[in-house]
Amino acid sequence: MFTKLKVWQSSMELVELVYQLTKTFPSFEVYNLISQINKSAVSIPSNVAEGKGRNSDKEFKQFLYIARGSLFELRTQLELARRLKYIKSDKKIVEKLIEVQSMINTLIQKL
């Protein structure tokens, strides 16, 4: 079951942190950057879950690549938010991003 995967659990924690953070953004960004950031964050555990539900390690690996791509999108969007001065560098989120990326990379290598 995908819910037992540590990478899924950690990425769900990342989503929670991201949603808390985007609540502080300017309201005019609700349909723009906030939406993009939240979608990228949700995509990470969603792709881990979908991949785990597939019939083969090869398919699971492909969904992990997609999850990793969403993580890179998220990192880029958060950097943009920082440059726009919507946020300061958030150590907790950065640490969680690095943790999830490392977990995804390790799982890809093992498959």
PDB file of N, CA and C in Angstrom:
ATOM      1  N   MET A   1       0.849  -1.180   0.000  1.00  0.00           N
ATOM      2  CA  MET A   1       0.000   0.000   0.000  1.00  0.00           C
ATOM      3  C   MET A   1       0.892   1.240   0.000  1.00  0.00           C
ATOM      4  N   PHE A   2       0.547   2.170  -0.866  1.00  0.00           N
ATOM      5  CA  PHE A   2       1.373   3.372  -1.045  1.00  0.00           C
ATOM      6  C   PHE A   2       1.462   4.225   0.209  1.00  0.00           C
ATOM      7  N   THR A   3       0.448   4.188   1.074  1.00  0.00           N
ATOM      8  CA  THR A   3       0.468   5.039   2.270  1.00  0.00           C
ATOM      9  C   THR A   3       1.558   4.622   3.260  1.00  0.00           C
ATOM     10  N   LYS A   4       2.096   3.439   3.084  1.00  0.00           N
ATOM     11  CA  LYS A   4       3.178   2.985   3.968  1.00  0.00           C
ATOM     12  C   LYS A   4       4.555   3.427   3.478  1.00  0.00           C
ATOM     13  N   LEU A   5       4.620   3.941   2.263  1.00  0.00           N
ATOM     14  CA  LEU A   5       5.899   4.399   1.728  1.00  0.00           C
ATOM     15  C   LEU A   5       6.338   5.685   2.437  1.00  0.00           C
ATOM     16  N   LYS A   6       7.563   5.696   2.911  1.00  0.00           N
ATOM     17  CA  LYS A   6       8.072   6.890   3.604  1.00  0.00           C
ATOM     18  C   LYS A   6       8.138   8.094   2.668  1.00  0.00           C
ATOM     19  N   VAL A   7       8.440   7.849   1.396  1.00  0.00           N
ATOM     20  CA  VAL A   7       8.511   8.950   0.441  1.00  0.00           C
ATOM     21  C   VAL A   7       7.125   9.579   0.256  1.00  0.00           C
ATOM     22  N   TRP A   8       6.086   8.778   0.276  1.00  0.00           N
ATOM     23  CA  TRP A   8       4.721   9.309   0.168  1.00  0.00           C
ATOM     24  C   TRP A   8       4.389  10.110   1.430  1.00  0.00           C
ATOM     25  N   GLN A   9       4.700   9.572   2.592  1.00  0.00           N
ATOM     26  CA  GLN A   9       4.418  10.251   3.857  1.00  0.00           C
ATOM     27  C   GLN A   9       5.147  11.591   3.937  1.00  0.00           C
ATOM     28  N   SER A  10       6.428  11.594   3.578  1.00  0.00           N
ATOM     29  CA  SER A  10       7.208  12.836   3.629  1.00  0.00           C
ATOM     30  C   SER A  10       6.702  13.855   2.615  1.00  0.00           C
ATOM     31  N   SER A  11       6.310  13.393   1.445  1.00  0.00           N
ATOM     32  CA  SER A  11       5.806  14.331   0.449  1.00  0.00           C
ATOM     33  C   SER A  11       4.444  14.892   0.848  1.00  0.00           C
ATOM     34  N   MET A  12       3.657  14.132   1.577  1.00  0.00           N
ATOM     35  CA  MET A  12       2.390  14.653   2.112  1.00  0.00           C
ATOM     36  C   MET A  12       2.670  15.737   3.159  1.00  0.00           C
ATOM     37  N   GLU A  13       3.686  15.538   3.972  1.00  0.00           N
ATOM     38  CA  GLU A  13       4.088  16.569   4.938  1.00  0.00           C
ATOM     39  C   GLU A  13       4.538  17.834   4.214  1.00  0.00           C
ATOM     40  N   LEU A  14       5.238  17.658   3.100  1.00  0.00           N
ATOM     41  CA  LEU A  14       5.662  18.797   2.293  1.00  0.00           C
ATOM     42  C   LEU A  14       4.448  19.565   1.773  1.00  0.00           C
ATOM     43  N   VAL A  15       3.446  18.850   1.296  1.00  0.00           N
ATOM     44  CA  VAL A  15       2.224  19.496   0.797  1.00  0.00           C
ATOM     45  C   VAL A  15       1.586  20.344   1.902  1.00  0.00           C
ATOM     46  N   GLU A  16       1.513  19.800   3.102  1.00  0.00           N
ATOM     47  CA  GLU A  16       0.931  20.555   4.218  1.00  0.00           C
ATOM     48  C   GLU A  16       1.711  21.845   4.476  1.00  0.00           C
ATOM     49  N   LEU A  17       3.032  21.750   4.478  1.00  0.00           N
ATOM     50  CA  LEU A  17       3.870  22.938   4.691  1.00  0.00           C
ATOM     51  C   LEU A  17       3.644  23.974   3.585  1.00  0.00           C
ATOM     52  N   VAL A  18       3.549  23.508   2.355  1.00  0.00           N
ATOM     53  CA  VAL A  18       3.357  24.406   1.223  1.00  0.00           C
ATOM     54  C   VAL A  18       2.005  25.108   1.322  1.00  0.00           C
ATOM     55  N   TYR A  19       0.963  24.374   1.657  1.00  0.00           N
ATOM     56  CA  TYR A  19      -0.359  24.995   1.787  1.00  0.00           C
ATOM     57  C   TYR A  19      -0.378  26.048   2.898  1.00  0.00           C
ATOM     58  N   GLN A  20       0.300  25.774   3.994  1.00  0.00           N
ATOM     59  CA  GLN A  20       0.397  26.768   5.067  1.00  0.00           C
ATOM     60  C   GLN A  20       1.121  28.011   4.577  1.00  0.00           C
ATOM     61  N   LEU A  21       2.170  27.812   3.799  1.00  0.00           N
ATOM     62  CA  LEU A  21       2.960  28.928   3.293  1.00  0.00           C
ATOM     63  C   LEU A  21       2.165  29.777   2.299  1.00  0.00           C
ATOM     64  N   THR A  22       1.471  29.137   1.378  1.00  0.00           N
ATOM     65  CA  THR A  22       0.775  29.904   0.340  1.00  0.00           C
ATOM     66  C   THR A  22      -0.420  30.683   0.894  1.00  0.00           C
ATOM     67  N   LYS A  23      -0.873  30.356   2.077  1.00  0.00           N
ATOM     68  CA  LYS A  23      -1.937  31.138   2.713  1.00  0.00           C
ATOM     69  C   LYS A  23      -1.489  32.575   2.983  1.00  0.00           C
ATOM     70  N   THR A  24      -0.174  32.785   3.041  1.00  0.00           N
ATOM     71  CA  THR A  24       0.367  34.115   3.350  1.00  0.00           C
ATOM     72  C   THR A  24       0.617  34.959   2.101  1.00  0.00           C
ATOM     73  N   PHE A  25       0.410  34.402   0.921  1.00  0.00           N
ATOM     74  CA  PHE A  25       0.668  35.121  -0.327  1.00  0.00           C
ATOM     75  C   PHE A  25      -0.408  36.182  -0.556  1.00  0.00           C
ATOM     76  N   PRO A  26      -0.106  37.174  -1.386  1.00  0.00           N
ATOM     77  CA  PRO A  26      -1.126  38.179  -1.739  1.00  0.00           C
ATOM     78  C   PRO A  26      -2.329  37.515  -2.417  1.00  0.00           C
ATOM     79  N   SER A  27      -3.511  38.002  -2.128  1.00  0.00           N
ATOM     80  CA  SER A  27      -4.730  37.383  -2.650  1.00  0.00           C
ATOM     81  C   SER A  27      -4.811  37.416  -4.173  1.00  0.00           C
ATOM     82  N   PHE A  28      -4.183  38.387  -4.821  1.00  0.00           N
ATOM     83  CA  PHE A  28      -4.249  38.448  -6.288  1.00  0.00           C
ATOM     84  C   PHE A  28      -3.483  37.297  -6.950  1.00  0.00           C
ATOM     85  N   GLU A  29      -2.706  36.555  -6.189  1.00  0.00           N
ATOM     86  CA  GLU A  29      -1.968  35.404  -6.726  1.00  0.00           C
ATOM     87  C   GLU A  29      -2.738  34.092  -6.602  1.00  0.00           C
ATOM     88  N   VAL A  30      -3.967  34.146  -6.107  1.00  0.00           N
ATOM     89  CA  VAL A  30      -4.712  32.914  -5.837  1.00  0.00           C
ATOM     90  C   VAL A  30      -4.889  32.047  -7.087  1.00  0.00           C
ATOM     91  N   TYR A  31      -5.123  32.655  -8.243  1.00  0.00           N
ATOM     92  CA  TYR A  31      -5.317  31.871  -9.463  1.00  0.00           C
ATOM     93  C   TYR A  31      -4.050  31.766 -10.296  1.00  0.00           C
ATOM     94  N   ASN A  32      -2.975  32.287  -9.794  1.00  0.00           N
ATOM     95  CA  ASN A  32      -1.717  32.254 -10.517  1.00  0.00           C
ATOM     96  C   ASN A  32      -0.684  31.424  -9.756  1.00  0.00           C
ATOM     97  N   LEU A  33       0.202  32.097  -9.055  1.00  0.00           N
ATOM     98  CA  LEU A  33       1.314  31.410  -8.418  1.00  0.00           C
ATOM     99  C   LEU A  33       0.866  30.464  -7.303  1.00  0.00           C
ATOM    100  N   ILE A  34      -0.106  30.868  -6.515  1.00  0.00           N
ATOM    101  CA  ILE A  34      -0.592  29.990  -5.436  1.00  0.00           C
ATOM    102  C   ILE A  34      -1.108  28.681  -6.025  1.00  0.00           C
ATOM    103  N   SER A  35      -1.917  28.788  -7.053  1.00  0.00           N
ATOM    104  CA  SER A  35      -2.477  27.608  -7.697  1.00  0.00           C
ATOM    105  C   SER A  35      -1.380  26.717  -8.271  1.00  0.00           C
ATOM    106  N   GLN A  36      -0.411  27.325  -8.939  1.00  0.00           N
ATOM    107  CA  GLN A  36       0.703  26.566  -9.527  1.00  0.00           C
ATOM    108  C   GLN A  36       1.511  25.843  -8.453  1.00  0.00           C
ATOM    109  N   ILE A  37       1.828  26.561  -7.387  1.00  0.00           N
ATOM    110  CA  ILE A  37       2.622  25.981  -6.310  1.00  0.00           C
ATOM    111  C   ILE A  37       1.874  24.815  -5.656  1.00  0.00           C
ATOM    112  N   ASN A  38       0.622  25.028  -5.343  1.00  0.00           N
ATOM    113  CA  ASN A  38      -0.154  23.970  -4.693  1.00  0.00           C
ATOM    114  C   ASN A  38      -0.306  22.743  -5.591  1.00  0.00           C
ATOM    115  N   LYS A  39      -0.537  22.962  -6.881  1.00  0.00           N
ATOM    116  CA  LYS A  39      -0.657  21.833  -7.817  1.00  0.00           C
ATOM    117  C   LYS A  39       0.638  21.050  -7.919  1.00  0.00           C
ATOM    118  N   SER A  40       1.751  21.759  -7.986  1.00  0.00           N
ATOM    119  CA  SER A  40       3.046  21.070  -8.054  1.00  0.00           C
ATOM    120  C   SER A  40       3.286  20.237  -6.800  1.00  0.00           C
ATOM    121  N   ALA A  41       2.961  20.807  -5.651  1.00  0.00           N
ATOM    122  CA  ALA A  41       3.157  20.089  -4.384  1.00  0.00           C
ATOM    123  C   ALA A  41       2.287  18.842  -4.321  1.00  0.00           C
ATOM    124  N   VAL A  42       1.022  18.969  -4.664  1.00  0.00           N
ATOM    125  CA  VAL A  42       0.084  17.836  -4.611  1.00  0.00           C
ATOM    126  C   VAL A  42       0.482  16.755  -5.606  1.00  0.00           C
ATOM    127  N   SER A  43       1.068  17.164  -6.718  1.00  0.00           N
ATOM    128  CA  SER A  43       1.471  16.214  -7.753  1.00  0.00           C
ATOM    129  C   SER A  43       2.532  15.226  -7.265  1.00  0.00           C
ATOM    130  N   ILE A  44       3.340  15.632  -6.313  1.00  0.00           N
ATOM    131  CA  ILE A  44       4.436  14.762  -5.857  1.00  0.00           C
ATOM    132  C   ILE A  44       3.889  13.492  -5.194  1.00  0.00           C
ATOM    133  N   PRO A  45       3.136  13.578  -4.088  1.00  0.00           N
ATOM    134  CA  PRO A  45       2.627  12.339  -3.488  1.00  0.00           C
ATOM    135  C   PRO A  45       1.602  11.638  -4.378  1.00  0.00           C
ATOM    136  N   SER A  46       0.896  12.401  -5.205  1.00  0.00           N
ATOM    137  CA  SER A  46      -0.094  11.790  -6.099  1.00  0.00           C
ATOM    138  C   SER A  46       0.578  10.860  -7.102  1.00  0.00           C
ATOM    139  N   ASN A  47       1.701  11.290  -7.654  1.00  0.00           N
ATOM    140  CA  ASN A  47       2.410  10.450  -8.611  1.00  0.00           C
ATOM    141  C   ASN A  47       3.093   9.263  -7.943  1.00  0.00           C
ATOM    142  N   VAL A  48       3.562   9.455  -6.727  1.00  0.00           N
ATOM    143  CA  VAL A  48       4.117   8.316  -5.974  1.00  0.00           C
ATOM    144  C   VAL A  48       3.020   7.276  -5.771  1.00  0.00           C
ATOM    145  N   ALA A  49       1.849   7.723  -5.364  1.00  0.00           N
ATOM    146  CA  ALA A  49       0.732   6.809  -5.120  1.00  0.00           C
ATOM    147  C   ALA A  49       0.293   6.106  -6.405  1.00  0.00           C
ATOM    148  N   GLU A  50       0.129   6.876  -7.472  1.00  0.00           N
ATOM    149  CA  GLU A  50      -0.306   6.271  -8.733  1.00  0.00           C
ATOM    150  C   GLU A  50       0.720   5.267  -9.250  1.00  0.00           C
ATOM    151  N   GLY A  51       1.980   5.629  -9.166  1.00  0.00           N
ATOM    152  CA  GLY A  51       3.024   4.717  -9.617  1.00  0.00           C
ATOM    153  C   GLY A  51       3.059   3.429  -8.815  1.00  0.00           C
ATOM    154  N   LYS A  52       2.880   3.544  -7.513  1.00  0.00           N
ATOM    155  CA  LYS A  52       2.886   2.351  -6.657  1.00  0.00           C
ATOM    156  C   LYS A  52       1.722   1.438  -7.010  1.00  0.00           C
ATOM    157  N   GLY A  53       0.634   2.032  -7.486  1.00  0.00           N
ATOM    158  CA  GLY A  53      -0.538   1.240  -7.854  1.00  0.00           C
ATOM    159  C   GLY A  53      -0.447   0.582  -9.213  1.00  0.00           C
ATOM    160  N   ARG A  54       0.600   0.843  -9.936  1.00  0.00           N
ATOM    161  CA  ARG A  54       0.781   0.237 -11.262  1.00  0.00           C
ATOM    162  C   ARG A  54       1.279  -1.195 -11.138  1.00  0.00           C
ATOM    163  N   ASN A  55       1.347  -1.867 -12.277  1.00  0.00           N
ATOM    164  CA  ASN A  55       1.645  -3.303 -12.286  1.00  0.00           C
ATOM    165  C   ASN A  55       3.123  -3.662 -12.315  1.00  0.00           C
ATOM    166  N   SER A  56       3.988  -2.684 -12.470  1.00  0.00           N
ATOM    167  CA  SER A  56       5.400  -3.048 -12.601  1.00  0.00           C
ATOM    168  C   SER A  56       6.305  -1.984 -11.988  1.00  0.00           C
ATOM    169  N   ASP A  57       7.515  -2.428 -11.669  1.00  0.00           N
ATOM    170  CA  ASP A  57       8.520  -1.497 -11.166  1.00  0.00           C
ATOM    171  C   ASP A  57       8.881  -0.463 -12.225  1.00  0.00           C
ATOM    172  N   LYS A  58       8.853  -0.871 -13.495  1.00  0.00           N
ATOM    173  CA  LYS A  58       9.175   0.062 -14.581  1.00  0.00           C
ATOM    174  C   LYS A  58       8.176   1.216 -14.601  1.00  0.00           C
ATOM    175  N   GLU A  59       6.894   0.902 -14.471  1.00  0.00           N
ATOM    176  CA  GLU A  59       5.875   1.956 -14.445  1.00  0.00           C
ATOM    177  C   GLU A  59       6.011   2.812 -13.184  1.00  0.00           C
ATOM    178  N   PHE A  60       6.255   2.170 -12.056  1.00  0.00           N
ATOM    179  CA  PHE A  60       6.443   2.905 -10.802  1.00  0.00           C
ATOM    180  C   PHE A  60       7.591   3.895 -10.941  1.00  0.00           C
ATOM    181  N   LYS A  61       8.686   3.434 -11.533  1.00  0.00           N
ATOM    182  CA  LYS A  61       9.857   4.283 -11.734  1.00  0.00           C
ATOM    183  C   LYS A  61       9.501   5.506 -12.584  1.00  0.00           C
ATOM    184  N   GLN A  62       8.712   5.292 -13.627  1.00  0.00           N
ATOM    185  CA  GLN A  62       8.321   6.407 -14.497  1.00  0.00           C
ATOM    186  C   GLN A  62       7.523   7.454 -13.709  1.00  0.00           C
ATOM    187  N   PHE A  63       6.630   7.006 -12.836  1.00  0.00           N
ATOM    188  CA  PHE A  63       5.854   7.946 -12.029  1.00  0.00           C
ATOM    189  C   PHE A  63       6.734   8.647 -10.990  1.00  0.00           C
ATOM    190  N   LEU A  64       7.778   7.982 -10.532  1.00  0.00           N
ATOM    191  CA  LEU A  64       8.722   8.639  -9.624  1.00  0.00           C
ATOM    192  C   LEU A  64       9.484   9.752 -10.345  1.00  0.00           C
ATOM    193  N   TYR A  65       9.802   9.520 -11.615  1.00  0.00           N
ATOM    194  CA  TYR A  65      10.428  10.585 -12.411  1.00  0.00           C
ATOM    195  C   TYR A  65       9.482  11.781 -12.550  1.00  0.00           C
ATOM    196  N   ILE A  66       8.223  11.504 -12.744  1.00  0.00           N
ATOM    197  CA  ILE A  66       7.231  12.583 -12.851  1.00  0.00           C
ATOM    198  C   ILE A  66       7.126  13.321 -11.517  1.00  0.00           C
ATOM    199  N   ALA A  67       7.101  12.581 -10.415  1.00  0.00           N
ATOM    200  CA  ALA A  67       7.055  13.195  -9.083  1.00  0.00           C
ATOM    201  C   ALA A  67       8.276  14.087  -8.864  1.00  0.00           C
ATOM    202  N   ARG A  68       9.431  13.599  -9.299  1.00  0.00           N
ATOM    203  CA  ARG A  68      10.655  14.395  -9.146  1.00  0.00           C
ATOM    204  C   ARG A  68      10.589  15.664 -10.001  1.00  0.00           C
ATOM    205  N   GLY A  69      10.014  15.545 -11.183  1.00  0.00           N
ATOM    206  CA  GLY A  69       9.826  16.724 -12.026  1.00  0.00           C
ATOM    207  C   GLY A  69       8.929  17.747 -11.350  1.00  0.00           C
ATOM    208  N   SER A  70       7.866  17.279 -10.710  1.00  0.00           N
ATOM    209  CA  SER A  70       6.973  18.186  -9.978  1.00  0.00           C
ATOM    210  C   SER A  70       7.687  18.838  -8.812  1.00  0.00           C
ATOM    211  N   LEU A  71       8.580  18.103  -8.177  1.00  0.00           N
ATOM    212  CA  LEU A  71       9.367  18.662  -7.082  1.00  0.00           C
ATOM    213  C   LEU A  71      10.264  19.787  -7.589  1.00  0.00           C
ATOM    214  N   PHE A  72      10.874  19.597  -8.755  1.00  0.00           N
ATOM    215  CA  PHE A  72      11.716  20.649  -9.336  1.00  0.00           C
ATOM    216  C   PHE A  72      10.876  21.867  -9.726  1.00  0.00           C
ATOM    217  N   GLU A  73       9.673  21.622 -10.242  1.00  0.00           N
ATOM    218  CA  GLU A  73       8.757  22.731 -10.532  1.00  0.00           C
ATOM    219  C   GLU A  73       8.461  23.510  -9.255  1.00  0.00           C
ATOM    220  N   LEU A  74       8.169  22.783  -8.188  1.00  0.00           N
ATOM    221  CA  LEU A  74       7.855  23.403  -6.911  1.00  0.00           C
ATOM    222  C   LEU A  74       9.026  24.248  -6.411  1.00  0.00           C
ATOM    223  N   ARG A  75      10.227  23.712  -6.507  1.00  0.00           N
ATOM    224  CA  ARG A  75      11.410  24.466  -6.065  1.00  0.00           C
ATOM    225  C   ARG A  75      11.556  25.759  -6.860  1.00  0.00           C
ATOM    226  N   THR A  76      11.300  25.688  -8.149  1.00  0.00           N
ATOM    227  CA  THR A  76      11.385  26.868  -9.007  1.00  0.00           C
ATOM    228  C   THR A  76      10.329  27.897  -8.637  1.00  0.00           C
ATOM    229  N   GLN A  77       9.114  27.447  -8.417  1.00  0.00           N
ATOM    230  CA  GLN A  77       8.019  28.355  -8.073  1.00  0.00           C
ATOM    231  C   GLN A  77       8.237  29.004  -6.714  1.00  0.00           C
ATOM    232  N   LEU A  78       8.772  28.251  -5.770  1.00  0.00           N
ATOM    233  CA  LEU A  78       9.069  28.830  -4.463  1.00  0.00           C
ATOM    234  C   LEU A  78      10.204  29.848  -4.560  1.00  0.00           C
ATOM    235  N   GLU A  79      11.165  29.585  -5.432  1.00  0.00           N
ATOM    236  CA  GLU A  79      12.246  30.553  -5.645  1.00  0.00           C
ATOM    237  C   GLU A  79      11.682  31.838  -6.260  1.00  0.00           C
ATOM    238  N   LEU A  80      10.746  31.703  -7.183  1.00  0.00           N
ATOM    239  CA  LEU A  80      10.102  32.886  -7.758  1.00  0.00           C
ATOM    240  C   LEU A  80       9.363  33.670  -6.677  1.00  0.00           C
ATOM    241  N   ALA A  81       8.630  32.961  -5.826  1.00  0.00           N
ATOM    242  CA  ALA A  81       7.912  33.625  -4.729  1.00  0.00           C
ATOM    243  C   ALA A  81       8.883  34.359  -3.808  1.00  0.00           C
ATOM    244  N   ARG A  82      10.038  33.758  -3.585  1.00  0.00           N
ATOM    245  CA  ARG A  82      11.057  34.426  -2.759  1.00  0.00           C
ATOM    246  C   ARG A  82      11.572  35.685  -3.453  1.00  0.00           C
ATOM    247  N   ARG A  83      11.838  35.576  -4.745  1.00  0.00           N
ATOM    248  CA  ARG A  83      12.339  36.736  -5.499  1.00  0.00           C
ATOM    249  C   ARG A  83      11.304  37.861  -5.570  1.00  0.00           C
ATOM    250  N   LEU A  84      10.024  37.483  -5.584  1.00  0.00           N
ATOM    251  CA  LEU A  84       8.955  38.482  -5.580  1.00  0.00           C
ATOM    252  C   LEU A  84       8.678  39.012  -4.175  1.00  0.00           C
ATOM    253  N   LYS A  85       9.415  38.480  -3.209  1.00  0.00           N
ATOM    254  CA  LYS A  85       9.325  38.888  -1.803  1.00  0.00           C
ATOM    255  C   LYS A  85       7.994  38.520  -1.151  1.00  0.00           C
ATOM    256  N   TYR A  86       7.368  37.454  -1.660  1.00  0.00           N
ATOM    257  CA  TYR A  86       6.163  36.934  -1.012  1.00  0.00           C
ATOM    258  C   TYR A  86       6.552  36.101   0.204  1.00  0.00           C
ATOM    259  N   ILE A  87       7.739  35.524   0.147  1.00  0.00           N
ATOM    260  CA  ILE A  87       8.237  34.688   1.243  1.00  0.00           C
ATOM    261  C   ILE A  87       9.720  34.953   1.430  1.00  0.00           C
ATOM    262  N   LYS A  88      10.200  34.565   2.593  1.00  0.00           N
ATOM    263  CA  LYS A  88      11.628  34.492   2.841  1.00  0.00           C
ATOM    264  C   LYS A  88      11.993  33.019   2.703  1.00  0.00           C
ATOM    265  N   SER A  89      13.255  32.737   2.622  1.00  0.00           N
ATOM    266  CA  SER A  89      13.675  31.344   2.542  1.00  0.00           C
ATOM    267  C   SER A  89      13.157  30.604   3.774  1.00  0.00           C
ATOM    268  N   ASP A  90      12.426  29.545   3.559  1.00  0.00           N
ATOM    269  CA  ASP A  90      11.830  28.773   4.644  1.00  0.00           C
ATOM    270  C   ASP A  90      12.647  27.503   4.839  1.00  0.00           C
ATOM    271  N   LYS A  91      13.440  27.495   5.900  1.00  0.00           N
ATOM    272  CA  LYS A  91      14.362  26.386   6.155  1.00  0.00           C
ATOM    273  C   LYS A  91      13.632  25.044   6.255  1.00  0.00           C
ATOM    274  N   LYS A  92      12.477  25.040   6.885  1.00  0.00           N
ATOM    275  CA  LYS A  92      11.719  23.800   7.074  1.00  0.00           C
ATOM    276  C   LYS A  92      11.288  23.209   5.730  1.00  0.00           C
ATOM    277  N   ILE A  93      10.808  24.062   4.830  1.00  0.00           N
ATOM    278  CA  ILE A  93      10.373  23.583   3.518  1.00  0.00           C
ATOM    279  C   ILE A  93      11.577  23.147   2.688  1.00  0.00           C
ATOM    280  N   VAL A  94      12.642  23.904   2.719  1.00  0.00           N
ATOM    281  CA  VAL A  94      13.846  23.546   1.968  1.00  0.00           C
ATOM    282  C   VAL A  94      14.363  22.187   2.428  1.00  0.00           C
ATOM    283  N   GLU A  95      14.418  21.977   3.728  1.00  0.00           N
ATOM    284  CA  GLU A  95      14.874  20.682   4.263  1.00  0.00           C
ATOM    285  C   GLU A  95      13.963  19.552   3.812  1.00  0.00           C
ATOM    286  N   LYS A  96      12.662  19.796   3.821  1.00  0.00           N
ATOM    287  CA  LYS A  96      11.701  18.775   3.410  1.00  0.00           C
ATOM    288  C   LYS A  96      11.825  18.500   1.910  1.00  0.00           C
ATOM    289  N   LEU A  97      12.020  19.536   1.112  1.00  0.00           N
ATOM    290  CA  LEU A  97      12.225  19.356  -0.332  1.00  0.00           C
ATOM    291  C   LEU A  97      13.444  18.472  -0.601  1.00  0.00           C
ATOM    292  N   ILE A  98      14.535  18.767   0.085  1.00  0.00           N
ATOM    293  CA  ILE A  98      15.771  17.998  -0.095  1.00  0.00           C
ATOM    294  C   ILE A  98      15.561  16.553   0.352  1.00  0.00           C
ATOM    295  N   GLU A  99      14.868  16.375   1.454  1.00  0.00           N
ATOM    296  CA  GLU A  99      14.586  15.026   1.959  1.00  0.00           C
ATOM    297  C   GLU A  99      13.779  14.219   0.954  1.00  0.00           C
ATOM    298  N   VAL A 100      12.706  14.808   0.446  1.00  0.00           N
ATOM    299  CA  VAL A 100      11.838  14.103  -0.503  1.00  0.00           C
ATOM    300  C   VAL A 100      12.598  13.806  -1.794  1.00  0.00           C
ATOM    301  N   GLN A 101      13.376  14.766  -2.273  1.00  0.00           N
ATOM    302  CA  GLN A 101      14.161  14.546  -3.482  1.00  0.00           C
ATOM    303  C   GLN A 101      15.130  13.380  -3.299  1.00  0.00           C
ATOM    304  N   SER A 102      15.786  13.342  -2.178  1.00  0.00           N
ATOM    305  CA  SER A 102      16.719  12.265  -1.881  1.00  0.00           C
ATOM    306  C   SER A 102      16.001  10.913  -1.830  1.00  0.00           C
ATOM    307  N   MET A 103      14.844  10.881  -1.215  1.00  0.00           N
ATOM    308  CA  MET A 103      14.072   9.640  -1.115  1.00  0.00           C
ATOM    309  C   MET A 103      13.622   9.156  -2.496  1.00  0.00           C
ATOM    310  N   ILE A 104      13.175  10.084  -3.330  1.00  0.00           N
ATOM    311  CA  ILE A 104      12.754   9.717  -4.683  1.00  0.00           C
ATOM    312  C   ILE A 104      13.942   9.185  -5.463  1.00  0.00           C
ATOM    313  N   ASN A 105      15.065   9.874  -5.387  1.00  0.00           N
ATOM    314  CA  ASN A 105      16.270   9.434  -6.108  1.00  0.00           C
ATOM    315  C   ASN A 105      16.712   8.041  -5.667  1.00  0.00           C
ATOM    316  N   THR A 106      16.693   7.806  -4.370  1.00  0.00           N
ATOM    317  CA  THR A 106      17.085   6.492  -3.844  1.00  0.00           C
ATOM    318  C   THR A 106      16.149   5.397  -4.327  1.00  0.00           C
ATOM    319  N   LEU A 107      14.852   5.678  -4.308  1.00  0.00           N
ATOM    320  CA  LEU A 107      13.878   4.682  -4.758  1.00  0.00           C
ATOM    321  C   LEU A 107      14.024   4.411  -6.254  1.00  0.00           C
ATOM    322  N   ILE A 108      14.273   5.435  -7.038  1.00  0.00           N
ATOM    323  CA  ILE A 108      14.490   5.252  -8.478  1.00  0.00           C
ATOM    324  C   ILE A 108      15.686   4.325  -8.702  1.00  0.00           C
ATOM    325  N   GLN A 109      16.760   4.560  -7.964  1.00  0.00           N
ATOM    326  CA  GLN A 109      17.972   3.751  -8.123  1.00  0.00           C
ATOM    327  C   GLN A 109      17.739   2.297  -7.733  1.00  0.00           C
ATOM    328  N   LYS A 110      16.871   2.071  -6.753  1.00  0.00           N
ATOM    329  CA  LYS A 110      16.623   0.707  -6.283  1.00  0.00           C
ATOM    330  C   LYS A 110      15.702  -0.097  -7.205  1.00  0.00           C
ATOM    331  N   LEU A 111      14.922   0.607  -8.017  1.00  0.00           N
ATOM    332  CA  LEU A 111      13.982  -0.105  -8.897  1.00  0.00           C
ATOM    333  C   LEU A 111      14.644  -0.586 -10.175  1.00  0.00           C
TER     334      LEU A 111
END
